[in-house]
């Protein structure tokens, strides 16, 4: 006997009526048998039996093709899901950016409006401060150079003529801008009070009394000492 596809040659003669082949790989086989009868007469042609061993399902072409299609489908679905997630994230980010932008624009508009209000208030304070200052032509043959660093000034000039004496003062207050402007108002009003109401004419007496008036004005609502002041010539 001989199994085409497994045996290279005929097997030795044996009185066994069966044969076992184990672990045959998938494929087509032909089993050939030559036998003799009880009289010792052999058949001239072998008896042939054809059979096929099918491969396991996971090695079949249709299963391999189906597996490839499933894998491709999974990859495509994953890519699509990932794209959808990225699109959703992009939409969310764009919405957040839009909201943040609107907030920034709103804050910017509020700040701009407040700045306009503050600037308008300071401009109005400048008009009050300018109105407080004496006329630049109070005295003949004099001129005034008044150039505030900010809109309102912490410096001011003061002039007064009581008929006998002419008073001119140039004052540099602590700070500049709005705080300096407040000090200039205090200084200007205090000078008017000292010279016009109290009638002081001696510079040393004016400065001493001015110091007292400024201290009173600054400490009316404060218990702690105030170090703000002004330089006067």
C-alpha atoms as a PDB file:
ATOM      1  CA  UNK A   1       0.000   0.000   0.000  1.00  0.00           C
ATOM      2  CA  UNK A   2       0.983   3.573  -0.677  1.00  0.00           C
ATOM      3  CA  UNK A   3      -0.550   6.960   0.046  1.00  0.00           C
ATOM      4  CA  UNK A   4       0.192   9.382  -2.751  1.00  0.00           C
ATOM      5  CA  UNK A   5       1.060  12.698  -1.239  1.00  0.00           C
ATOM      6  CA  UNK A   6       2.412  11.153   1.995  1.00  0.00           C
ATOM      7  CA  UNK A   7       4.492   8.070   1.109  1.00  0.00           C
ATOM      8  CA  UNK A   8       7.436   8.264  -1.233  1.00  0.00           C
ATOM      9  CA  UNK A   9       7.390   4.512  -1.958  1.00  0.00           C
ATOM     10  CA  UNK A  10       5.318   1.422  -1.364  1.00  0.00           C
ATOM     11  CA  UNK A  11       5.230   0.167   2.168  1.00  0.00           C
ATOM     12  CA  UNK A  12       6.479  -3.359   2.955  1.00  0.00           C
ATOM     13  CA  UNK A  13       4.061  -6.291   2.602  1.00  0.00           C
ATOM     14  CA  UNK A  14       2.080  -6.898   5.770  1.00  0.00           C
ATOM     15  CA  UNK A  15      -0.886  -9.022   6.842  1.00  0.00           C
ATOM     16  CA  UNK A  16      -2.515  -5.980   8.528  1.00  0.00           C
ATOM     17  CA  UNK A  17      -5.858  -5.005   7.119  1.00  0.00           C
ATOM     18  CA  UNK A  18      -5.679  -1.377   8.299  1.00  0.00           C
ATOM     19  CA  UNK A  19      -3.225   1.478   8.301  1.00  0.00           C
ATOM     20  CA  UNK A  20      -3.163   4.749  10.224  1.00  0.00           C
ATOM     21  CA  UNK A  21      -1.884   8.112   9.022  1.00  0.00           C
ATOM     22  CA  UNK A  22      -1.799  10.831  11.634  1.00  0.00           C
ATOM     23  CA  UNK A  23      -1.490  14.604  11.276  1.00  0.00           C
ATOM     24  CA  UNK A  24      -1.900  14.673   7.521  1.00  0.00           C
ATOM     25  CA  UNK A  25      -1.814  18.244   6.208  1.00  0.00           C
ATOM     26  CA  UNK A  26      -4.730  19.520   4.160  1.00  0.00           C
ATOM     27  CA  UNK A  27      -4.676  18.423   0.544  1.00  0.00           C
ATOM     28  CA  UNK A  28      -5.692  15.791  -2.019  1.00  0.00           C
ATOM     29  CA  UNK A  29      -4.592  12.194  -1.456  1.00  0.00           C
ATOM     30  CA  UNK A  30      -4.855   8.825  -3.255  1.00  0.00           C
ATOM     31  CA  UNK A  31      -4.640   5.614  -1.285  1.00  0.00           C
ATOM     32  CA  UNK A  32      -3.262   2.672  -3.345  1.00  0.00           C
ATOM     33  CA  UNK A  33      -3.635  -0.956  -2.252  1.00  0.00           C
ATOM     34  CA  UNK A  34      -2.264  -4.161  -3.817  1.00  0.00           C
ATOM     35  CA  UNK A  35      -3.383  -7.353  -2.095  1.00  0.00           C
ATOM     36  CA  UNK A  36      -3.464 -11.156  -2.638  1.00  0.00           C
ATOM     37  CA  UNK A  37      -6.186 -13.715  -2.051  1.00  0.00           C
ATOM     38  CA  UNK A  38      -5.967 -16.920  -0.054  1.00  0.00           C
ATOM     39  CA  UNK A  39      -4.377 -18.606  -3.026  1.00  0.00           C
ATOM     40  CA  UNK A  40      -1.572 -16.058  -3.232  1.00  0.00           C
ATOM     41  CA  UNK A  41      -2.765 -14.391  -6.367  1.00  0.00           C
ATOM     42  CA  UNK A  42      -2.051 -10.597  -6.398  1.00  0.00           C
ATOM     43  CA  UNK A  43      -4.116  -8.087  -8.215  1.00  0.00           C
ATOM     44  CA  UNK A  44      -2.350  -6.648 -11.195  1.00  0.00           C
ATOM     45  CA  UNK A  45      -3.570  -3.079 -10.714  1.00  0.00           C
ATOM     46  CA  UNK A  46      -3.740  -1.308  -7.339  1.00  0.00           C
ATOM     47  CA  UNK A  47      -7.070  -0.322  -5.953  1.00  0.00           C
ATOM     48  CA  UNK A  48      -7.224   3.451  -5.623  1.00  0.00           C
ATOM     49  CA  UNK A  49      -9.225   5.567  -3.189  1.00  0.00           C
ATOM     50  CA  UNK A  50      -9.239   9.321  -3.603  1.00  0.00           C
ATOM     51  CA  UNK A  51     -10.011  11.660  -0.721  1.00  0.00           C
ATOM     52  CA  UNK A  52      -9.439  15.221   0.287  1.00  0.00           C
ATOM     53  CA  UNK A  53      -8.522  16.591   3.722  1.00  0.00           C
ATOM     54  CA  UNK A  54     -10.067  20.031   4.118  1.00  0.00           C
ATOM     55  CA  UNK A  55      -8.061  22.737   5.933  1.00  0.00           C
ATOM     56  CA  UNK A  56      -9.407  24.217   9.199  1.00  0.00           C
ATOM     57  CA  UNK A  57     -11.859  27.079   8.695  1.00  0.00           C
ATOM     58  CA  UNK A  58      -9.356  29.731   9.768  1.00  0.00           C
ATOM     59  CA  UNK A  59      -7.101  28.747   6.857  1.00  0.00           C
ATOM     60  CA  UNK A  60      -9.801  28.865   4.227  1.00  0.00           C
ATOM     61  CA  UNK A  61      -9.721  31.632   1.654  1.00  0.00           C
ATOM     62  CA  UNK A  62     -13.168  32.897   2.515  1.00  0.00           C
ATOM     63  CA  UNK A  63     -12.310  33.188   6.208  1.00  0.00           C
ATOM     64  CA  UNK A  64      -9.055  35.015   5.433  1.00  0.00           C
ATOM     65  CA  UNK A  65     -10.905  37.359   3.067  1.00  0.00           C
ATOM     66  CA  UNK A  66     -13.643  37.929   5.636  1.00  0.00           C
ATOM     67  CA  UNK A  67     -11.039  38.619   8.336  1.00  0.00           C
ATOM     68  CA  UNK A  68      -9.296  41.166   6.102  1.00  0.00           C
ATOM     69  CA  UNK A  69     -12.616  42.850   5.374  1.00  0.00           C
ATOM     70  CA  UNK A  70     -13.494  42.945   9.088  1.00  0.00           C
ATOM     71  CA  UNK A  71     -10.090  44.409   9.978  1.00  0.00           C
ATOM     72  CA  UNK A  72     -10.409  47.052   7.238  1.00  0.00           C
ATOM     73  CA  UNK A  73     -13.949  47.854   8.414  1.00  0.00           C
ATOM     74  CA  UNK A  74     -12.752  48.214  12.022  1.00  0.00           C
ATOM     75  CA  UNK A  75      -9.926  50.534  10.946  1.00  0.00           C
ATOM     76  CA  UNK A  76     -12.290  52.638   8.833  1.00  0.00           C
ATOM     77  CA  UNK A  77     -14.860  52.829  11.655  1.00  0.00           C
ATOM     78  CA  UNK A  78     -12.130  53.796  14.141  1.00  0.00           C
ATOM     79  CA  UNK A  79     -10.892  56.536  11.799  1.00  0.00           C
ATOM     80  CA  UNK A  80     -14.439  57.815  11.284  1.00  0.00           C
ATOM     81  CA  UNK A  81     -15.152  57.822  15.022  1.00  0.00           C
ATOM     82  CA  UNK A  82     -11.835  59.570  15.652  1.00  0.00           C
ATOM     83  CA  UNK A  83     -12.666  62.169  13.006  1.00  0.00           C
ATOM     84  CA  UNK A  84     -16.090  62.753  14.557  1.00  0.00           C
ATOM     85  CA  UNK A  85     -14.518  63.162  17.997  1.00  0.00           C
ATOM     86  CA  UNK A  86     -11.951  65.592  16.616  1.00  0.00           C
ATOM     87  CA  UNK A  87     -14.706  67.569  14.871  1.00  0.00           C
ATOM     88  CA  UNK A  88     -16.703  67.696  18.115  1.00  0.00           C
ATOM     89  CA  UNK A  89     -13.607  68.800  20.054  1.00  0.00           C
ATOM     90  CA  UNK A  90     -12.906  71.436  17.412  1.00  0.00           C
ATOM     91  CA  UNK A  91     -16.475  72.735  17.661  1.00  0.00           C
ATOM     92  CA  UNK A  92     -16.215  72.836  21.466  1.00  0.00           C
ATOM     93  CA  UNK A  93     -12.855  74.652  21.303  1.00  0.00           C
ATOM     94  CA  UNK A  94     -14.201  77.129  18.748  1.00  0.00           C
ATOM     95  CA  UNK A  95     -17.209  77.762  20.985  1.00  0.00           C
ATOM     96  CA  UNK A  96     -14.956  78.312  24.002  1.00  0.00           C
ATOM     97  CA  UNK A  97     -12.680  80.611  21.992  1.00  0.00           C
ATOM     98  CA  UNK A  98     -15.729  82.550  20.803  1.00  0.00           C
ATOM     99  CA  UNK A  99     -17.049  82.843  24.357  1.00  0.00           C
ATOM    100  CA  UNK A 100     -13.634  83.938  25.653  1.00  0.00           C
ATOM    101  CA  UNK A 101     -13.315  86.418  22.795  1.00  0.00           C
ATOM    102  CA  UNK A 102     -16.752  87.837  23.555  1.00  0.00           C
ATOM    103  CA  UNK A 103     -15.791  88.105  27.227  1.00  0.00           C
ATOM    104  CA  UNK A 104     -12.530  89.866  26.337  1.00  0.00           C
ATOM    105  CA  UNK A 105     -14.353  92.218  23.960  1.00  0.00           C
ATOM    106  CA  UNK A 106     -16.992  92.898  26.621  1.00  0.00           C
ATOM    107  CA  UNK A 107     -14.324  93.545  29.269  1.00  0.00           C
ATOM    108  CA  UNK A 108     -12.433  95.722  26.810  1.00  0.00           C
ATOM    109  CA  UNK A 109     -15.582  97.737  26.097  1.00  0.00           C
ATOM    110  CA  UNK A 110     -16.273  98.089  29.818  1.00  0.00           C
ATOM    111  CA  UNK A 111     -12.685  99.181  30.468  1.00  0.00           C
ATOM    112  CA  UNK A 112     -12.843 101.580  27.530  1.00  0.00           C
ATOM    113  CA  UNK A 113     -16.100 103.026  28.845  1.00  0.00           C
ATOM    114  CA  UNK A 114     -14.634 103.392  32.330  1.00  0.00           C
ATOM    115  CA  UNK A 115     -11.540 105.011  30.864  1.00  0.00           C
ATOM    116  CA  UNK A 116     -13.750 107.457  28.964  1.00  0.00           C
ATOM    117  CA  UNK A 117     -15.670 108.215  32.150  1.00  0.00           C
ATOM    118  CA  UNK A 118     -12.466 108.639  34.150  1.00  0.00           C
ATOM    119  CA  UNK A 119     -10.892 110.774  31.428  1.00  0.00           C
ATOM    120  CA  UNK A 120     -14.038 112.886  31.200  1.00  0.00           C
ATOM    121  CA  UNK A 121     -13.997 113.343  34.967  1.00  0.00           C
ATOM    122  CA  UNK A 122     -10.339 114.308  34.903  1.00  0.00           C
ATOM    123  CA  UNK A 123     -10.999 116.727  32.038  1.00  0.00           C
ATOM    124  CA  UNK A 124     -13.753 118.311  34.086  1.00  0.00           C
ATOM    125  CA  UNK A 125     -11.381 118.455  37.070  1.00  0.00           C
ATOM    126  CA  UNK A 126      -8.865 120.188  34.800  1.00  0.00           C
ATOM    127  CA  UNK A 127     -11.455 122.839  33.961  1.00  0.00           C
ATOM    128  CA  UNK A 128     -12.136 123.352  37.674  1.00  0.00           C
ATOM    129  CA  UNK A 129      -8.416 123.592  38.391  1.00  0.00           C
ATOM    130  CA  UNK A 130      -7.886 126.028  35.513  1.00  0.00           C
ATOM    131  CA  UNK A 131     -10.790 128.130  36.761  1.00  0.00           C
ATOM    132  CA  UNK A 132      -9.248 128.158  40.244  1.00  0.00           C
ATOM    133  CA  UNK A 133      -5.929 129.558  39.018  1.00  0.00           C
ATOM    134  CA  UNK A 134      -5.566 133.365  38.761  1.00  0.00           C
ATOM    135  CA  UNK A 135      -5.545 135.104  35.414  1.00  0.00           C
ATOM    136  CA  UNK A 136      -2.160 134.970  33.727  1.00  0.00           C
ATOM    137  CA  UNK A 137      -2.310 138.749  33.080  1.00  0.00           C
ATOM    138  CA  UNK A 138      -2.899 139.638  36.732  1.00  0.00           C
ATOM    139  CA  UNK A 139       0.378 141.536  36.798  1.00  0.00           C
ATOM    140  CA  UNK A 140       1.904 143.492  33.947  1.00  0.00           C
ATOM    141  CA  UNK A 141       5.265 142.517  32.495  1.00  0.00           C
ATOM    142  CA  UNK A 142       4.878 138.937  33.729  1.00  0.00           C
ATOM    143  CA  UNK A 143       4.139 135.659  32.017  1.00  0.00           C
ATOM    144  CA  UNK A 144       3.077 132.201  33.193  1.00  0.00           C
ATOM    145  CA  UNK A 145       4.508 128.917  31.892  1.00  0.00           C
ATOM    146  CA  UNK A 146       2.104 126.240  33.078  1.00  0.00           C
ATOM    147  CA  UNK A 147       2.560 122.813  31.405  1.00  0.00           C
ATOM    148  CA  UNK A 148       1.076 119.974  33.481  1.00  0.00           C
ATOM    149  CA  UNK A 149       2.669 116.563  33.087  1.00  0.00           C
ATOM    150  CA  UNK A 150      -0.781 114.968  33.221  1.00  0.00           C
ATOM    151  CA  UNK A 151      -4.205 116.376  32.412  1.00  0.00           C
ATOM    152  CA  UNK A 152      -4.432 117.881  35.884  1.00  0.00           C
ATOM    153  CA  UNK A 153      -1.396 119.194  37.683  1.00  0.00           C
ATOM    154  CA  UNK A 154       0.135 118.844  41.106  1.00  0.00           C
ATOM    155  CA  UNK A 155       1.772 122.234  40.643  1.00  0.00           C
ATOM    156  CA  UNK A 156       0.050 125.589  40.651  1.00  0.00           C
ATOM    157  CA  UNK A 157       0.735 129.302  40.696  1.00  0.00           C
ATOM    158  CA  UNK A 158      -0.970 131.897  42.883  1.00  0.00           C
ATOM    159  CA  UNK A 159      -1.122 135.689  42.598  1.00  0.00           C
ATOM    160  CA  UNK A 160      -2.847 138.367  44.658  1.00  0.00           C
ATOM    161  CA  UNK A 161      -2.756 142.148  44.877  1.00  0.00           C
ATOM    162  CA  UNK A 162      -4.182 143.758  48.044  1.00  0.00           C
ATOM    163  CA  UNK A 163      -3.442 147.295  46.853  1.00  0.00           C
ATOM    164  CA  UNK A 164      -0.293 147.684  48.946  1.00  0.00           C
ATOM    165  CA  UNK A 165       1.459 144.418  48.255  1.00  0.00           C
ATOM    166  CA  UNK A 166       1.655 142.101  45.302  1.00  0.00           C
ATOM    167  CA  UNK A 167       1.979 138.380  46.108  1.00  0.00           C
ATOM    168  CA  UNK A 168       3.254 135.756  43.664  1.00  0.00           C
ATOM    169  CA  UNK A 169       3.731 132.092  44.594  1.00  0.00           C
ATOM    170  CA  UNK A 170       4.813 129.026  42.664  1.00  0.00           C
ATOM    171  CA  UNK A 171       3.941 125.783  44.434  1.00  0.00           C
ATOM    172  CA  UNK A 172       5.020 122.183  43.850  1.00  0.00           C
ATOM    173  CA  UNK A 173       2.686 119.758  45.655  1.00  0.00           C
ATOM    174  CA  UNK A 174       3.399 116.189  46.698  1.00  0.00           C
ATOM    175  CA  UNK A 175       2.593 113.800  43.845  1.00  0.00           C
ATOM    176  CA  UNK A 176       1.236 114.567  40.425  1.00  0.00           C
ATOM    177  CA  UNK A 177      -1.910 113.864  38.476  1.00  0.00           C
ATOM    178  CA  UNK A 178      -5.156 113.581  40.448  1.00  0.00           C
ATOM    179  CA  UNK A 179      -3.538 113.302  43.938  1.00  0.00           C
ATOM    180  CA  UNK A 180      -1.358 116.324  43.205  1.00  0.00           C
ATOM    181  CA  UNK A 181      -4.392 118.207  41.904  1.00  0.00           C
ATOM    182  CA  UNK A 182      -6.198 117.637  45.217  1.00  0.00           C
ATOM    183  CA  UNK A 183      -3.176 119.005  47.052  1.00  0.00           C
ATOM    184  CA  UNK A 184      -3.063 122.001  44.731  1.00  0.00           C
ATOM    185  CA  UNK A 185      -6.692 122.834  45.578  1.00  0.00           C
ATOM    186  CA  UNK A 186      -5.914 122.577  49.299  1.00  0.00           C
ATOM    187  CA  UNK A 187      -2.811 124.749  48.857  1.00  0.00           C
ATOM    188  CA  UNK A 188      -4.587 127.345  46.732  1.00  0.00           C
ATOM    189  CA  UNK A 189      -7.528 127.690  49.107  1.00  0.00           C
ATOM    190  CA  UNK A 190      -5.193 127.791  52.117  1.00  0.00           C
ATOM    191  CA  UNK A 191      -3.125 130.589  50.554  1.00  0.00           C
ATOM    192  CA  UNK A 192      -6.266 132.620  49.889  1.00  0.00           C
ATOM    193  CA  UNK A 193      -7.383 132.071  53.464  1.00  0.00           C
ATOM    194  CA  UNK A 194      -4.031 133.010  55.002  1.00  0.00           C
ATOM    195  CA  UNK A 195      -3.480 136.170  52.950  1.00  0.00           C
ATOM    196  CA  UNK A 196      -6.995 137.416  52.203  1.00  0.00           C
ATOM    197  CA  UNK A 197      -8.826 136.458  55.406  1.00  0.00           C
ATOM    198  CA  UNK A 198      -6.025 136.538  57.950  1.00  0.00           C
ATOM    199  CA  UNK A 199      -4.311 139.514  56.275  1.00  0.00           C
ATOM    200  CA  UNK A 200      -0.785 138.141  56.712  1.00  0.00           C
ATOM    201  CA  UNK A 201       1.816 139.813  54.523  1.00  0.00           C
ATOM    202  CA  UNK A 202       5.172 138.657  55.854  1.00  0.00           C
ATOM    203  CA  UNK A 203       6.355 135.595  53.820  1.00  0.00           C
ATOM    204  CA  UNK A 204       7.551 133.673  56.891  1.00  0.00           C
ATOM    205  CA  UNK A 205       4.224 134.218  58.657  1.00  0.00           C
ATOM    206  CA  UNK A 206       2.342 133.231  55.523  1.00  0.00           C
ATOM    207  CA  UNK A 207       4.314 129.979  55.200  1.00  0.00           C
ATOM    208  CA  UNK A 208       3.920 129.130  58.906  1.00  0.00           C
ATOM    209  CA  UNK A 209       0.172 129.696  58.810  1.00  0.00           C
ATOM    210  CA  UNK A 210      -0.085 127.864  55.473  1.00  0.00           C
ATOM    211  CA  UNK A 211       1.561 124.861  57.097  1.00  0.00           C
ATOM    212  CA  UNK A 212      -1.039 124.921  59.862  1.00  0.00           C
ATOM    213  CA  UNK A 213      -3.950 125.254  57.424  1.00  0.00           C
ATOM    214  CA  UNK A 214      -2.719 122.391  55.240  1.00  0.00           C
ATOM    215  CA  UNK A 215      -2.231 120.147  58.303  1.00  0.00           C
ATOM    216  CA  UNK A 216      -5.757 120.952  59.450  1.00  0.00           C
ATOM    217  CA  UNK A 217      -7.184 120.178  56.008  1.00  0.00           C
ATOM    218  CA  UNK A 218      -5.360 116.869  55.711  1.00  0.00           C
ATOM    219  CA  UNK A 219      -6.041 115.658  59.241  1.00  0.00           C
ATOM    220  CA  UNK A 220      -9.732 116.512  59.432  1.00  0.00           C
ATOM    221  CA  UNK A 221     -10.718 112.943  58.584  1.00  0.00           C
ATOM    222  CA  UNK A 222      -7.535 111.101  59.509  1.00  0.00           C
ATOM    223  CA  UNK A 223      -6.160 110.206  62.910  1.00  0.00           C
ATOM    224  CA  UNK A 224      -2.716 109.311  61.575  1.00  0.00           C
ATOM    225  CA  UNK A 225      -0.262 111.976  60.545  1.00  0.00           C
ATOM    226  CA  UNK A 226      -0.151 112.870  56.851  1.00  0.00           C
ATOM    227  CA  UNK A 227       3.263 113.428  55.274  1.00  0.00           C
ATOM    228  CA  UNK A 228       1.917 115.047  52.098  1.00  0.00           C
ATOM    229  CA  UNK A 229       2.779 118.666  51.566  1.00  0.00           C
ATOM    230  CA  UNK A 230       4.186 121.176  49.113  1.00  0.00           C
ATOM    231  CA  UNK A 231       7.241 123.243  48.283  1.00  0.00           C
ATOM    232  CA  UNK A 232       6.541 126.964  47.880  1.00  0.00           C
ATOM    233  CA  UNK A 233       8.486 129.919  46.549  1.00  0.00           C
END
